[in-house]
Amino acid sequence: MLSPLAQKIKDNISSSDLTIYDPVPIGDTNYWIPSSELEELLSYHLVGLNLEGLPLRTRSKIVKEEVCKALGYIPPTSFKKTQPRFLCQNFDVYTQKSNNLQIWNEEVSPSRRYVLIRISEEDIITKIKVVTGDIVSELDKTGKLTQKYQARLVGIPDDVKLLSDTDTHEIQDIISTYSGFDRHTSPTEYPTLGELMPINKIYHHLQTIVGKSFPYMGSLQERNRGGFLHGLVCEALGYSSFKDDGKFPDVKHQLLEVKLQTSPTIDLGLFLPSNEGILDIPQINTQNVRMCDVRYAIFFGEVENDEVVITKFYLVTGKDFFTHFTQFGGMKVNKKLQIPLPANFL
C-alpha cells in the first residue's frame, strides 16, 4: 500500500498532461514528489523487476520506462539526453550491481536527487534508495567531489543567545499562525501551517538543555552523541518521541537543524546556511521553504569525566548565520568521479 501523499501525487501526474521533460516547481503540493515519497513509489513499482538476459542498453531503457510508470508519467518513445535525465522531478537514475557509484556532478543543489537502484547478481531489482547531493558528498571520503564548507564561532560573549530576533521575512506569515501540535507528531514529518514554531519560541524551549549532559562514548562516536542531543531537543520541543531520518534538516517538522560542537569548528557540509535554494519540502500555504529559512540550533559541549556537558547554545536563521559565524572552506567540484558506497548503504 502506498501512503496517501504518494498515491495522491501519482494520481495527479497521471491525470495531467505533464511529461518527464516538464520541470515541476520544487515543493509544488500537487505535482512535486518529495524524496521520501519518490523512494516509496519507485520501490513499490520496481523492486522485484527481472532484467535477466537483457542487453545493457535495453535494460537501461526498460528501467527508465518503469520509473516513468511508477510516478504516473507516460514513457516517451525515446529518452532525450537531458541533465538531469528526469527533468520533471530533478533526478538521475543509477543502476548498481557493485558498490562503486560513478556520478556526474553538474548541478548540486539542496533539491537535486540521485536514484540508486540495486540489481542483484541474478539481474533482479532488490532495493532503491533516493539521496540528495549533500548525502552523496558525505559518502565521498576522498574529498575529491567537494570541499565542504565550515564555520567558526568568533567573538560572541554570551553563552546562551538568540542570534536572530525574528524568522526570515518569507516565512513570517506561516509562523504567525502557530497554534501548537500533537505531541505524538513525528519530528521528521513535513512542516504544516499552524504547527511551525516562531524562532523565539524554539529558543525558549531549547535553552533549558544548557547544563544537561550525556555520555561522550569516545572520539569516534560523533553520530551517537548527536543522537543523544537530538533526543533532548525533541523532548524540549514537546515531541513524545525522538526520530531522525538522517535528512536535512534534523527536526524537519520545525525546520530546525541541530549542531553539536566540542570544538569551535562547525561542519556545514555541501551547502551554506545562507543558500537561497529551495528545499525538497512541500510548500506551506503556497510558500516554498528555502535553505536560509531553516533555523540552526548550535550547542557547544565540554567533555568532563567521559560525559559531554552542554555549556553554550545559540539559535540563528540560515539567513543570519554568517552575521555571527565566520565562514571558511569552499566549493571544489570534479565533473566525474567514482564513490565507493558503504557495504550496507544500498
C-alpha atoms as a PDB file:
ATOM      1  CA  MET A   1       0.000   0.000   0.000  1.00  0.00           C
ATOM      2  CA  LEU A   2       1.236   3.438  -0.928  1.00  0.00           C
ATOM      3  CA  SER A   3       0.975   6.307   1.535  1.00  0.00           C
ATOM      4  CA  PRO A   4      -1.867   8.779   0.844  1.00  0.00           C
ATOM      5  CA  LEU A   5       0.570  11.542  -0.189  1.00  0.00           C
ATOM      6  CA  ALA A   6       2.491   9.326  -2.645  1.00  0.00           C
ATOM      7  CA  GLN A   7      -0.732   7.996  -4.183  1.00  0.00           C
ATOM      8  CA  LYS A   8      -2.238  11.481  -4.453  1.00  0.00           C
ATOM      9  CA  ILE A   9       0.735  12.965  -6.307  1.00  0.00           C
ATOM     10  CA  LYS A  10       0.984   9.965  -8.658  1.00  0.00           C
ATOM     11  CA  ASP A  11      -2.735  10.255  -9.463  1.00  0.00           C
ATOM     12  CA  ASN A  12      -2.352  13.994 -10.083  1.00  0.00           C
ATOM     13  CA  ILE A  13       0.512  13.387 -12.521  1.00  0.00           C
ATOM     14  CA  SER A  14      -1.383  10.574 -14.276  1.00  0.00           C
ATOM     15  CA  SER A  15      -4.379  12.823 -14.911  1.00  0.00           C
ATOM     16  CA  SER A  16      -2.253  15.755 -16.119  1.00  0.00           C
ATOM     17  CA  ASP A  17      -0.534  16.441 -19.435  1.00  0.00           C
ATOM     18  CA  LEU A  18       2.902  16.622 -17.800  1.00  0.00           C
ATOM     19  CA  THR A  19       5.854  14.821 -19.382  1.00  0.00           C
ATOM     20  CA  ILE A  20       9.204  13.916 -17.842  1.00  0.00           C
ATOM     21  CA  TYR A  21      10.648  16.975 -19.607  1.00  0.00           C
ATOM     22  CA  ASP A  22       8.342  19.440 -17.818  1.00  0.00           C
ATOM     23  CA  PRO A  23      10.120  20.626 -14.654  1.00  0.00           C
ATOM     24  CA  VAL A  24       7.762  20.711 -11.674  1.00  0.00           C
ATOM     25  CA  PRO A  25       8.316  23.641  -9.293  1.00  0.00           C
ATOM     26  CA  ILE A  26      10.104  22.308  -6.211  1.00  0.00           C
ATOM     27  CA  GLY A  27       7.687  21.838  -3.342  1.00  0.00           C
ATOM     28  CA  ASP A  28       4.569  22.092  -5.534  1.00  0.00           C
ATOM     29  CA  THR A  29       1.960  20.341  -3.382  1.00  0.00           C
ATOM     30  CA  ASN A  30       0.152  18.830  -6.382  1.00  0.00           C
ATOM     31  CA  TYR A  31       2.967  17.538  -8.593  1.00  0.00           C
ATOM     32  CA  TRP A  32       6.369  17.664  -6.827  1.00  0.00           C
ATOM     33  CA  ILE A  33       7.314  14.276  -5.324  1.00  0.00           C
ATOM     34  CA  PRO A  34       9.423  14.723  -2.148  1.00  0.00           C
ATOM     35  CA  SER A  35      12.377  12.334  -1.817  1.00  0.00           C
ATOM     36  CA  SER A  36      10.734  10.011   0.731  1.00  0.00           C
ATOM     37  CA  GLU A  37       7.660   9.561  -1.466  1.00  0.00           C
ATOM     38  CA  LEU A  38       9.845   9.254  -4.590  1.00  0.00           C
ATOM     39  CA  GLU A  39      11.687   6.342  -2.969  1.00  0.00           C
ATOM     40  CA  GLU A  40       8.368   4.826  -1.884  1.00  0.00           C
ATOM     41  CA  LEU A  41       6.775   4.968  -5.356  1.00  0.00           C
ATOM     42  CA  LEU A  42       9.845   3.586  -7.121  1.00  0.00           C
ATOM     43  CA  SER A  43      10.330   0.773  -4.597  1.00  0.00           C
ATOM     44  CA  TYR A  44       6.651  -0.200  -4.784  1.00  0.00           C
ATOM     45  CA  HIS A  45       6.749  -0.491  -8.584  1.00  0.00           C
ATOM     46  CA  LEU A  46      10.291  -1.623  -9.414  1.00  0.00           C
ATOM     47  CA  VAL A  47      11.542  -3.917  -6.637  1.00  0.00           C
ATOM     48  CA  GLY A  48      11.340  -7.484  -7.933  1.00  0.00           C
ATOM     49  CA  LEU A  49      11.598  -6.480 -11.616  1.00  0.00           C
ATOM     50  CA  ASN A  50      13.557  -9.140 -13.531  1.00  0.00           C
ATOM     51  CA  LEU A  51      16.067  -7.800 -16.087  1.00  0.00           C
ATOM     52  CA  GLU A  52      17.769 -11.124 -16.795  1.00  0.00           C
ATOM     53  CA  GLY A  53      19.239 -11.615 -20.250  1.00  0.00           C
ATOM     54  CA  LEU A  54      18.683  -8.047 -21.446  1.00  0.00           C
ATOM     55  CA  PRO A  55      21.492  -6.147 -23.206  1.00  0.00           C
ATOM     56  CA  LEU A  56      22.745  -3.161 -21.156  1.00  0.00           C
ATOM     57  CA  ARG A  57      21.198  -0.547 -23.456  1.00  0.00           C
ATOM     58  CA  THR A  58      17.817  -2.318 -23.444  1.00  0.00           C
ATOM     59  CA  ARG A  59      17.977  -2.764 -19.673  1.00  0.00           C
ATOM     60  CA  SER A  60      18.634   0.935 -19.166  1.00  0.00           C
ATOM     61  CA  LYS A  61      15.667   1.880 -21.364  1.00  0.00           C
ATOM     62  CA  ILE A  62      13.309  -0.534 -19.596  1.00  0.00           C
ATOM     63  CA  VAL A  63      14.338   0.746 -16.159  1.00  0.00           C
ATOM     64  CA  LYS A  64      13.669   4.337 -17.247  1.00  0.00           C
ATOM     65  CA  GLU A  65      10.301   3.342 -18.712  1.00  0.00           C
ATOM     66  CA  GLU A  66       9.316   1.627 -15.455  1.00  0.00           C
ATOM     67  CA  VAL A  67      10.444   4.686 -13.476  1.00  0.00           C
ATOM     68  CA  CYS A  68       8.062   6.781 -15.594  1.00  0.00           C
ATOM     69  CA  LYS A  69       5.156   4.407 -14.941  1.00  0.00           C
ATOM     70  CA  ALA A  70       5.920   4.282 -11.207  1.00  0.00           C
ATOM     71  CA  LEU A  71       5.482   8.053 -10.957  1.00  0.00           C
ATOM     72  CA  GLY A  72       2.446   8.373 -13.214  1.00  0.00           C
ATOM     73  CA  TYR A  73       4.219   9.625 -16.356  1.00  0.00           C
ATOM     74  CA  ILE A  74       3.753   8.174 -19.846  1.00  0.00           C
ATOM     75  CA  PRO A  75       7.165   6.862 -21.017  1.00  0.00           C
ATOM     76  CA  PRO A  76       8.472   8.654 -24.140  1.00  0.00           C
ATOM     77  CA  THR A  77       9.272   6.567 -27.217  1.00  0.00           C
ATOM     78  CA  SER A  78      12.915   7.615 -26.823  1.00  0.00           C
ATOM     79  CA  PHE A  79      14.727   9.358 -23.964  1.00  0.00           C
ATOM     80  CA  LYS A  80      16.441  12.700 -24.567  1.00  0.00           C
ATOM     81  CA  LYS A  81      19.899  13.260 -23.082  1.00  0.00           C
ATOM     82  CA  THR A  82      18.824  15.979 -20.671  1.00  0.00           C
ATOM     83  CA  GLN A  83      20.628  16.905 -17.451  1.00  0.00           C
ATOM     84  CA  PRO A  84      19.269  15.530 -15.246  1.00  0.00           C
ATOM     85  CA  ARG A  85      17.520  12.787 -17.245  1.00  0.00           C
ATOM     86  CA  PHE A  86      14.286  13.237 -15.306  1.00  0.00           C
ATOM     87  CA  LEU A  87      13.873  17.000 -15.503  1.00  0.00           C
ATOM     88  CA  CYS A  88      10.330  16.674 -14.184  1.00  0.00           C
ATOM     89  CA  GLN A  89      11.407  15.745 -10.656  1.00  0.00           C
ATOM     90  CA  ASN A  90      15.087  16.797 -10.784  1.00  0.00           C
ATOM     91  CA  PHE A  91      16.784  13.400 -10.548  1.00  0.00           C
ATOM     92  CA  ASP A  92      19.052  10.940 -12.334  1.00  0.00           C
ATOM     93  CA  VAL A  93      18.914   7.140 -12.161  1.00  0.00           C
ATOM     94  CA  TYR A  94      21.923   4.927 -11.416  1.00  0.00           C
ATOM     95  CA  THR A  95      21.657   1.137 -11.674  1.00  0.00           C
ATOM     96  CA  GLN A  96      24.179  -0.515  -9.344  1.00  0.00           C
ATOM     97  CA  LYS A  97      25.480  -4.077  -9.337  1.00  0.00           C
ATOM     98  CA  SER A  98      28.624  -3.034  -7.495  1.00  0.00           C
ATOM     99  CA  ASN A  99      29.230  -0.668  -4.574  1.00  0.00           C
ATOM    100  CA  ASN A 100      31.052   1.731  -6.873  1.00  0.00           C
ATOM    101  CA  LEU A 101      28.907   4.751  -7.714  1.00  0.00           C
ATOM    102  CA  GLN A 102      30.022   6.732 -10.775  1.00  0.00           C
ATOM    103  CA  ILE A 103      28.436  10.152 -10.801  1.00  0.00           C
ATOM    104  CA  TRP A 104      28.443  13.247 -12.925  1.00  0.00           C
ATOM    105  CA  ASN A 105      28.475  16.170 -10.546  1.00  0.00           C
ATOM    106  CA  GLU A 106      26.969  19.062 -12.503  1.00  0.00           C
ATOM    107  CA  GLU A 107      24.257  20.941 -10.646  1.00  0.00           C
ATOM    108  CA  VAL A 108      24.398  20.085  -6.985  1.00  0.00           C
ATOM    109  CA  SER A 109      21.594  21.813  -5.120  1.00  0.00           C
ATOM    110  CA  PRO A 110      19.541  21.104  -1.979  1.00  0.00           C
ATOM    111  CA  SER A 111      16.777  19.562  -4.118  1.00  0.00           C
ATOM    112  CA  ARG A 112      18.881  17.592  -6.669  1.00  0.00           C
ATOM    113  CA  ARG A 113      18.227  13.856  -6.247  1.00  0.00           C
ATOM    114  CA  TYR A 114      20.088  10.675  -7.176  1.00  0.00           C
ATOM    115  CA  VAL A 115      18.052   7.466  -7.542  1.00  0.00           C
ATOM    116  CA  LEU A 116      20.243   4.442  -6.804  1.00  0.00           C
ATOM    117  CA  ILE A 117      18.853   1.101  -7.989  1.00  0.00           C
ATOM    118  CA  ARG A 118      20.455  -2.083  -6.681  1.00  0.00           C
ATOM    119  CA  ILE A 119      20.476  -5.006  -9.135  1.00  0.00           C
ATOM    120  CA  SER A 120      21.351  -8.484  -7.845  1.00  0.00           C
ATOM    121  CA  GLU A 121      23.697 -10.970  -9.496  1.00  0.00           C
ATOM    122  CA  GLU A 122      20.523 -12.587 -10.899  1.00  0.00           C
ATOM    123  CA  ASP A 123      19.581  -9.246 -12.544  1.00  0.00           C
ATOM    124  CA  ILE A 124      16.622  -8.576 -10.264  1.00  0.00           C
ATOM    125  CA  ILE A 125      15.999  -5.138  -8.747  1.00  0.00           C
ATOM    126  CA  THR A 126      16.272  -5.635  -4.979  1.00  0.00           C
ATOM    127  CA  LYS A 127      16.410  -2.135  -3.477  1.00  0.00           C
ATOM    128  CA  ILE A 128      16.013   1.542  -4.340  1.00  0.00           C
ATOM    129  CA  LYS A 129      17.427   4.486  -2.439  1.00  0.00           C
ATOM    130  CA  VAL A 130      16.913   8.187  -3.160  1.00  0.00           C
ATOM    131  CA  VAL A 131      19.642  10.514  -1.916  1.00  0.00           C
ATOM    132  CA  THR A 132      20.375  14.213  -2.295  1.00  0.00           C
ATOM    133  CA  GLY A 133      23.638  15.883  -3.274  1.00  0.00           C
ATOM    134  CA  ASP A 134      24.675  16.583   0.307  1.00  0.00           C
ATOM    135  CA  ILE A 135      24.387  12.886   1.232  1.00  0.00           C
ATOM    136  CA  VAL A 136      26.395  11.901  -1.862  1.00  0.00           C
ATOM    137  CA  SER A 137      29.122  14.307  -0.750  1.00  0.00           C
ATOM    138  CA  GLU A 138      29.214  12.694   2.717  1.00  0.00           C
ATOM    139  CA  LEU A 139      29.905   9.324   1.073  1.00  0.00           C
ATOM    140  CA  ASP A 140      32.936  10.759  -0.704  1.00  0.00           C
ATOM    141  CA  LYS A 141      35.679  10.050   1.840  1.00  0.00           C
ATOM    142  CA  THR A 142      38.397  11.043  -0.653  1.00  0.00           C
ATOM    143  CA  GLY A 143      37.396  14.706  -0.695  1.00  0.00           C
ATOM    144  CA  LYS A 144      37.593  14.689  -4.494  1.00  0.00           C
ATOM    145  CA  LEU A 145      33.940  15.547  -5.043  1.00  0.00           C
ATOM    146  CA  THR A 146      33.734  18.692  -2.970  1.00  0.00           C
ATOM    147  CA  GLN A 147      35.477  20.680  -0.347  1.00  0.00           C
ATOM    148  CA  LYS A 148      32.966  21.056   2.466  1.00  0.00           C
ATOM    149  CA  TYR A 149      32.041  24.375   3.993  1.00  0.00           C
ATOM    150  CA  GLN A 150      32.965  25.138   7.582  1.00  0.00           C
ATOM    151  CA  ALA A 151      32.431  27.998  10.001  1.00  0.00           C
ATOM    152  CA  ARG A 152      33.862  29.145  13.297  1.00  0.00           C
ATOM    153  CA  LEU A 153      32.375  30.790  16.351  1.00  0.00           C
ATOM    154  CA  VAL A 154      34.130  34.116  16.929  1.00  0.00           C
ATOM    155  CA  GLY A 155      33.541  36.892  19.437  1.00  0.00           C
ATOM    156  CA  ILE A 156      30.108  36.118  20.926  1.00  0.00           C
ATOM    157  CA  PRO A 157      30.426  36.998  24.637  1.00  0.00           C
ATOM    158  CA  ASP A 158      27.148  35.372  25.704  1.00  0.00           C
ATOM    159  CA  ASP A 159      26.956  31.642  26.392  1.00  0.00           C
ATOM    160  CA  VAL A 160      23.240  31.454  25.562  1.00  0.00           C
ATOM    161  CA  LYS A 161      21.759  33.770  22.952  1.00  0.00           C
ATOM    162  CA  LEU A 162      19.031  34.086  20.340  1.00  0.00           C
ATOM    163  CA  LEU A 163      21.047  35.494  17.429  1.00  0.00           C
ATOM    164  CA  SER A 164      18.062  36.112  15.114  1.00  0.00           C
ATOM    165  CA  ASP A 165      15.293  38.216  16.654  1.00  0.00           C
ATOM    166  CA  THR A 166      12.817  37.060  14.020  1.00  0.00           C
ATOM    167  CA  ASP A 167      12.420  34.398  11.374  1.00  0.00           C
ATOM    168  CA  THR A 168      13.072  35.246   7.724  1.00  0.00           C
ATOM    169  CA  HIS A 169      10.554  37.596   6.151  1.00  0.00           C
ATOM    170  CA  GLU A 170       9.412  34.882   3.727  1.00  0.00           C
ATOM    171  CA  ILE A 171       8.026  32.594   6.447  1.00  0.00           C
ATOM    172  CA  GLN A 172       6.643  35.288   8.777  1.00  0.00           C
ATOM    173  CA  ASP A 173       3.065  34.653   7.630  1.00  0.00           C
ATOM    174  CA  ILE A 174       3.486  30.917   8.248  1.00  0.00           C
ATOM    175  CA  ILE A 175       4.878  31.142  11.780  1.00  0.00           C
ATOM    176  CA  SER A 176       2.269  33.765  12.722  1.00  0.00           C
ATOM    177  CA  THR A 177      -0.384  31.005  12.515  1.00  0.00           C
ATOM    178  CA  TYR A 178       1.346  28.785  15.109  1.00  0.00           C
ATOM    179  CA  SER A 179      -1.167  27.216  17.478  1.00  0.00           C
ATOM    180  CA  GLY A 180       0.664  24.084  18.684  1.00  0.00           C
ATOM    181  CA  PHE A 181       0.902  20.452  17.541  1.00  0.00           C
ATOM    182  CA  ASP A 182       0.015  16.973  18.748  1.00  0.00           C
ATOM    183  CA  ARG A 183       2.885  15.658  20.890  1.00  0.00           C
ATOM    184  CA  HIS A 184       2.723  12.315  19.038  1.00  0.00           C
ATOM    185  CA  THR A 185       3.630  14.041  15.749  1.00  0.00           C
ATOM    186  CA  SER A 186       6.910  12.734  14.324  1.00  0.00           C
ATOM    187  CA  PRO A 187       9.756  15.307  14.332  1.00  0.00           C
ATOM    188  CA  THR A 188      10.591  14.164  10.777  1.00  0.00           C
ATOM    189  CA  GLU A 189       7.147  14.971   9.325  1.00  0.00           C
ATOM    190  CA  TYR A 190       6.851  17.843   6.853  1.00  0.00           C
ATOM    191  CA  PRO A 191       6.092  21.217   8.472  1.00  0.00           C
ATOM    192  CA  THR A 192       2.491  22.391   8.150  1.00  0.00           C
ATOM    193  CA  LEU A 193       0.553  25.600   8.605  1.00  0.00           C
ATOM    194  CA  GLY A 194      -0.265  26.222  12.260  1.00  0.00           C
ATOM    195  CA  GLU A 195       2.428  23.851  13.595  1.00  0.00           C
ATOM    196  CA  LEU A 196       5.657  25.745  12.813  1.00  0.00           C
ATOM    197  CA  MET A 197       7.004  27.473  15.932  1.00  0.00           C
ATOM    198  CA  PRO A 198       8.421  31.005  15.735  1.00  0.00           C
ATOM    199  CA  ILE A 199      12.166  31.111  16.376  1.00  0.00           C
ATOM    200  CA  ASN A 200      11.788  32.858  19.743  1.00  0.00           C
ATOM    201  CA  LYS A 201       9.520  30.068  20.995  1.00  0.00           C
ATOM    202  CA  ILE A 202      12.031  27.427  19.870  1.00  0.00           C
ATOM    203  CA  TYR A 203      14.713  29.363  21.748  1.00  0.00           C
ATOM    204  CA  HIS A 204      12.575  29.453  24.898  1.00  0.00           C
ATOM    205  CA  HIS A 205      12.263  25.649  24.838  1.00  0.00           C
ATOM    206  CA  LEU A 206      15.830  24.746  23.857  1.00  0.00           C
ATOM    207  CA  GLN A 207      17.736  26.971  26.280  1.00  0.00           C
ATOM    208  CA  THR A 208      16.677  24.521  29.019  1.00  0.00           C
ATOM    209  CA  ILE A 209      19.145  21.984  27.544  1.00  0.00           C
ATOM    210  CA  VAL A 210      22.167  24.040  28.689  1.00  0.00           C
ATOM    211  CA  GLY A 211      23.728  22.309  31.694  1.00  0.00           C
ATOM    212  CA  LYS A 212      22.478  18.848  30.716  1.00  0.00           C
ATOM    213  CA  SER A 213      24.903  16.033  29.908  1.00  0.00           C
ATOM    214  CA  PHE A 214      25.146  12.677  28.135  1.00  0.00           C
ATOM    215  CA  PRO A 215      27.870  10.021  27.557  1.00  0.00           C
ATOM    216  CA  TYR A 216      30.897  11.022  25.440  1.00  0.00           C
ATOM    217  CA  MET A 217      31.492   7.415  24.242  1.00  0.00           C
ATOM    218  CA  GLY A 218      34.861   8.162  22.632  1.00  0.00           C
ATOM    219  CA  SER A 219      36.068  10.382  19.804  1.00  0.00           C
ATOM    220  CA  LEU A 220      34.626   8.187  17.026  1.00  0.00           C
ATOM    221  CA  GLN A 221      31.042   8.255  18.324  1.00  0.00           C
ATOM    222  CA  GLU A 222      30.037  11.646  16.927  1.00  0.00           C
ATOM    223  CA  ARG A 223      26.830  10.327  15.354  1.00  0.00           C
ATOM    224  CA  ASN A 224      25.683   8.652  18.576  1.00  0.00           C
ATOM    225  CA  ARG A 225      26.389  11.800  20.592  1.00  0.00           C
ATOM    226  CA  GLY A 226      24.335  13.729  18.068  1.00  0.00           C
ATOM    227  CA  GLY A 227      21.516  11.229  18.616  1.00  0.00           C
ATOM    228  CA  PHE A 228      21.529  11.920  22.361  1.00  0.00           C
ATOM    229  CA  LEU A 229      21.318  15.663  21.718  1.00  0.00           C
ATOM    230  CA  HIS A 230      18.551  15.259  19.113  1.00  0.00           C
ATOM    231  CA  GLY A 231      16.584  13.306  21.700  1.00  0.00           C
ATOM    232  CA  LEU A 232      16.927  16.151  24.215  1.00  0.00           C
ATOM    233  CA  VAL A 233      15.898  18.670  21.541  1.00  0.00           C
ATOM    234  CA  CYS A 234      12.774  16.715  20.562  1.00  0.00           C
ATOM    235  CA  GLU A 235      11.797  16.314  24.219  1.00  0.00           C
ATOM    236  CA  ALA A 236      12.303  20.029  24.931  1.00  0.00           C
ATOM    237  CA  LEU A 237      10.155  20.994  21.930  1.00  0.00           C
ATOM    238  CA  GLY A 238       7.284  18.815  23.138  1.00  0.00           C
ATOM    239  CA  TYR A 239       7.540  15.671  20.982  1.00  0.00           C
ATOM    240  CA  SER A 240       6.716  12.391  22.711  1.00  0.00           C
ATOM    241  CA  SER A 241       9.461  10.516  20.857  1.00  0.00           C
ATOM    242  CA  PHE A 242      12.767  11.111  19.092  1.00  0.00           C
ATOM    243  CA  LYS A 243      13.180  10.260  15.421  1.00  0.00           C
ATOM    244  CA  ASP A 244      15.992  11.053  12.989  1.00  0.00           C
ATOM    245  CA  ASP A 245      15.765  10.068   9.312  1.00  0.00           C
ATOM    246  CA  GLY A 246      19.267  11.325   8.520  1.00  0.00           C
ATOM    247  CA  LYS A 247      17.949  14.054   6.232  1.00  0.00           C
ATOM    248  CA  PHE A 248      18.221  17.819   6.374  1.00  0.00           C
ATOM    249  CA  PRO A 249      17.026  19.490   8.484  1.00  0.00           C
ATOM    250  CA  ASP A 250      17.205  17.252  11.566  1.00  0.00           C
ATOM    251  CA  VAL A 251      13.836  18.270  13.029  1.00  0.00           C
ATOM    252  CA  LYS A 252      12.025  18.769   9.732  1.00  0.00           C
ATOM    253  CA  HIS A 253       8.660  19.471  11.377  1.00  0.00           C
ATOM    254  CA  GLN A 254      10.167  22.656  12.869  1.00  0.00           C
ATOM    255  CA  LEU A 255      12.686  23.466  10.095  1.00  0.00           C
ATOM    256  CA  LEU A 256      15.426  23.016  12.692  1.00  0.00           C
ATOM    257  CA  GLU A 257      18.992  21.815  12.129  1.00  0.00           C
ATOM    258  CA  VAL A 258      20.867  20.729  15.262  1.00  0.00           C
ATOM    259  CA  LYS A 259      24.645  21.022  15.623  1.00  0.00           C
ATOM    260  CA  LEU A 260      26.699  19.600  18.497  1.00  0.00           C
ATOM    261  CA  GLN A 261      30.152  21.146  18.833  1.00  0.00           C
ATOM    262  CA  THR A 262      33.003  20.016  21.055  1.00  0.00           C
ATOM    263  CA  SER A 263      35.370  22.265  19.058  1.00  0.00           C
ATOM    264  CA  PRO A 264      34.946  25.788  17.608  1.00  0.00           C
ATOM    265  CA  THR A 265      34.825  24.496  14.000  1.00  0.00           C
ATOM    266  CA  ILE A 266      31.308  23.891  12.657  1.00  0.00           C
ATOM    267  CA  ASP A 267      30.990  21.493   9.695  1.00  0.00           C
ATOM    268  CA  LEU A 268      28.324  22.749   7.290  1.00  0.00           C
ATOM    269  CA  GLY A 269      28.550  20.181   4.504  1.00  0.00           C
ATOM    270  CA  LEU A 270      27.910  20.994   0.871  1.00  0.00           C
ATOM    271  CA  PHE A 271      25.575  23.978   1.222  1.00  0.00           C
ATOM    272  CA  LEU A 272      25.917  27.265   3.051  1.00  0.00           C
ATOM    273  CA  PRO A 273      23.146  28.035   5.565  1.00  0.00           C
ATOM    274  CA  SER A 274      22.597  31.330   3.716  1.00  0.00           C
ATOM    275  CA  ASN A 275      21.896  29.472   0.443  1.00  0.00           C
ATOM    276  CA  GLU A 276      18.577  30.632  -1.026  1.00  0.00           C
ATOM    277  CA  GLY A 277      17.983  27.329  -2.827  1.00  0.00           C
ATOM    278  CA  ILE A 278      14.548  25.751  -2.372  1.00  0.00           C
ATOM    279  CA  LEU A 279      14.404  22.667  -0.158  1.00  0.00           C
ATOM    280  CA  ASP A 280      12.795  19.344  -1.076  1.00  0.00           C
ATOM    281  CA  ILE A 281       9.849  20.071   1.243  1.00  0.00           C
ATOM    282  CA  PRO A 282       6.207  20.591   0.197  1.00  0.00           C
ATOM    283  CA  GLN A 283       5.134  24.221   0.062  1.00  0.00           C
ATOM    284  CA  ILE A 284       3.454  25.588   3.190  1.00  0.00           C
ATOM    285  CA  ASN A 285       0.432  27.703   2.277  1.00  0.00           C
ATOM    286  CA  THR A 286       1.881  28.090  -1.288  1.00  0.00           C
ATOM    287  CA  GLN A 287       5.216  29.302   0.165  1.00  0.00           C
ATOM    288  CA  ASN A 288       8.453  27.473  -0.717  1.00  0.00           C
ATOM    289  CA  VAL A 289      10.891  26.655   2.065  1.00  0.00           C
ATOM    290  CA  ARG A 290      14.458  27.750   1.338  1.00  0.00           C
ATOM    291  CA  MET A 291      17.752  26.656   2.864  1.00  0.00           C
ATOM    292  CA  CYS A 292      18.151  30.065   4.512  1.00  0.00           C
ATOM    293  CA  ASP A 293      14.739  29.782   6.232  1.00  0.00           C
ATOM    294  CA  VAL A 294      15.990  26.866   8.342  1.00  0.00           C
ATOM    295  CA  ARG A 295      16.771  27.583  11.992  1.00  0.00           C
ATOM    296  CA  TYR A 296      20.173  26.393  13.317  1.00  0.00           C
ATOM    297  CA  ALA A 297      20.431  25.286  16.952  1.00  0.00           C
ATOM    298  CA  ILE A 298      24.133  25.197  17.801  1.00  0.00           C
ATOM    299  CA  PHE A 299      25.124  23.587  21.077  1.00  0.00           C
ATOM    300  CA  PHE A 300      28.685  23.663  22.404  1.00  0.00           C
ATOM    301  CA  GLY A 301      29.729  20.952  24.840  1.00  0.00           C
ATOM    302  CA  GLU A 302      32.737  20.303  27.041  1.00  0.00           C
ATOM    303  CA  VAL A 303      33.974  16.806  27.816  1.00  0.00           C
ATOM    304  CA  GLU A 304      34.130  16.172  31.564  1.00  0.00           C
ATOM    305  CA  ASN A 305      34.663  12.735  33.128  1.00  0.00           C
ATOM    306  CA  ASP A 306      33.658  10.931  29.923  1.00  0.00           C
ATOM    307  CA  GLU A 307      30.480  12.993  29.602  1.00  0.00           C
ATOM    308  CA  VAL A 308      29.543  15.872  27.307  1.00  0.00           C
ATOM    309  CA  VAL A 309      28.148  18.810  29.271  1.00  0.00           C
ATOM    310  CA  ILE A 310      26.245  21.402  27.204  1.00  0.00           C
ATOM    311  CA  THR A 311      27.741  24.801  28.073  1.00  0.00           C
ATOM    312  CA  LYS A 312      26.633  27.120  25.245  1.00  0.00           C
ATOM    313  CA  PHE A 313      23.613  27.429  22.975  1.00  0.00           C
ATOM    314  CA  TYR A 314      22.884  29.724  20.040  1.00  0.00           C
ATOM    315  CA  LEU A 315      19.874  29.844  17.724  1.00  0.00           C
ATOM    316  CA  VAL A 316      20.058  31.595  14.357  1.00  0.00           C
ATOM    317  CA  THR A 317      18.377  31.534  10.950  1.00  0.00           C
ATOM    318  CA  GLY A 318      20.357  30.355   7.948  1.00  0.00           C
ATOM    319  CA  LYS A 319      19.984  33.838   6.502  1.00  0.00           C
ATOM    320  CA  ASP A 320      21.683  35.454   9.516  1.00  0.00           C
ATOM    321  CA  PHE A 321      24.217  32.676  10.071  1.00  0.00           C
ATOM    322  CA  PHE A 322      27.282  34.485   8.742  1.00  0.00           C
ATOM    323  CA  THR A 323      26.440  37.673  10.594  1.00  0.00           C
ATOM    324  CA  HIS A 324      27.614  35.785  13.685  1.00  0.00           C
ATOM    325  CA  PHE A 325      29.854  32.959  12.439  1.00  0.00           C
ATOM    326  CA  THR A 326      32.942  33.194  10.232  1.00  0.00           C
ATOM    327  CA  GLN A 327      32.971  31.058   7.079  1.00  0.00           C
ATOM    328  CA  PHE A 328      35.979  29.260   5.668  1.00  0.00           C
ATOM    329  CA  GLY A 329      36.461  26.460   3.163  1.00  0.00           C
ATOM    330  CA  GLY A 330      34.780  26.486  -0.205  1.00  0.00           C
ATOM    331  CA  MET A 331      33.471  24.572  -3.165  1.00  0.00           C
ATOM    332  CA  LYS A 332      35.656  22.476  -5.396  1.00  0.00           C
ATOM    333  CA  VAL A 333      33.778  20.394  -7.945  1.00  0.00           C
ATOM    334  CA  ASN A 334      35.027  17.492 -10.029  1.00  0.00           C
ATOM    335  CA  LYS A 335      32.855  16.627 -13.000  1.00  0.00           C
ATOM    336  CA  LYS A 336      33.060  12.878 -12.721  1.00  0.00           C
ATOM    337  CA  LEU A 337      34.182  10.528 -10.034  1.00  0.00           C
ATOM    338  CA  GLN A 338      33.890   7.099  -8.510  1.00  0.00           C
ATOM    339  CA  ILE A 339      32.458   6.890  -4.999  1.00  0.00           C
ATOM    340  CA  PRO A 340      32.698   3.576  -3.137  1.00  0.00           C
ATOM    341  CA  LEU A 341      29.384   3.033  -1.344  1.00  0.00           C
ATOM    342  CA  PRO A 342      29.397   1.564   2.188  1.00  0.00           C
ATOM    343  CA  ALA A 343      28.567  -2.161   2.145  1.00  0.00           C
ATOM    344  CA  ASN A 344      25.144  -1.735   3.752  1.00  0.00           C
ATOM    345  CA  PHE A 345      24.198   1.518   2.030  1.00  0.00           C
ATOM    346  CA  LEU A 346      22.225   0.016  -0.851  1.00  0.00           C
END
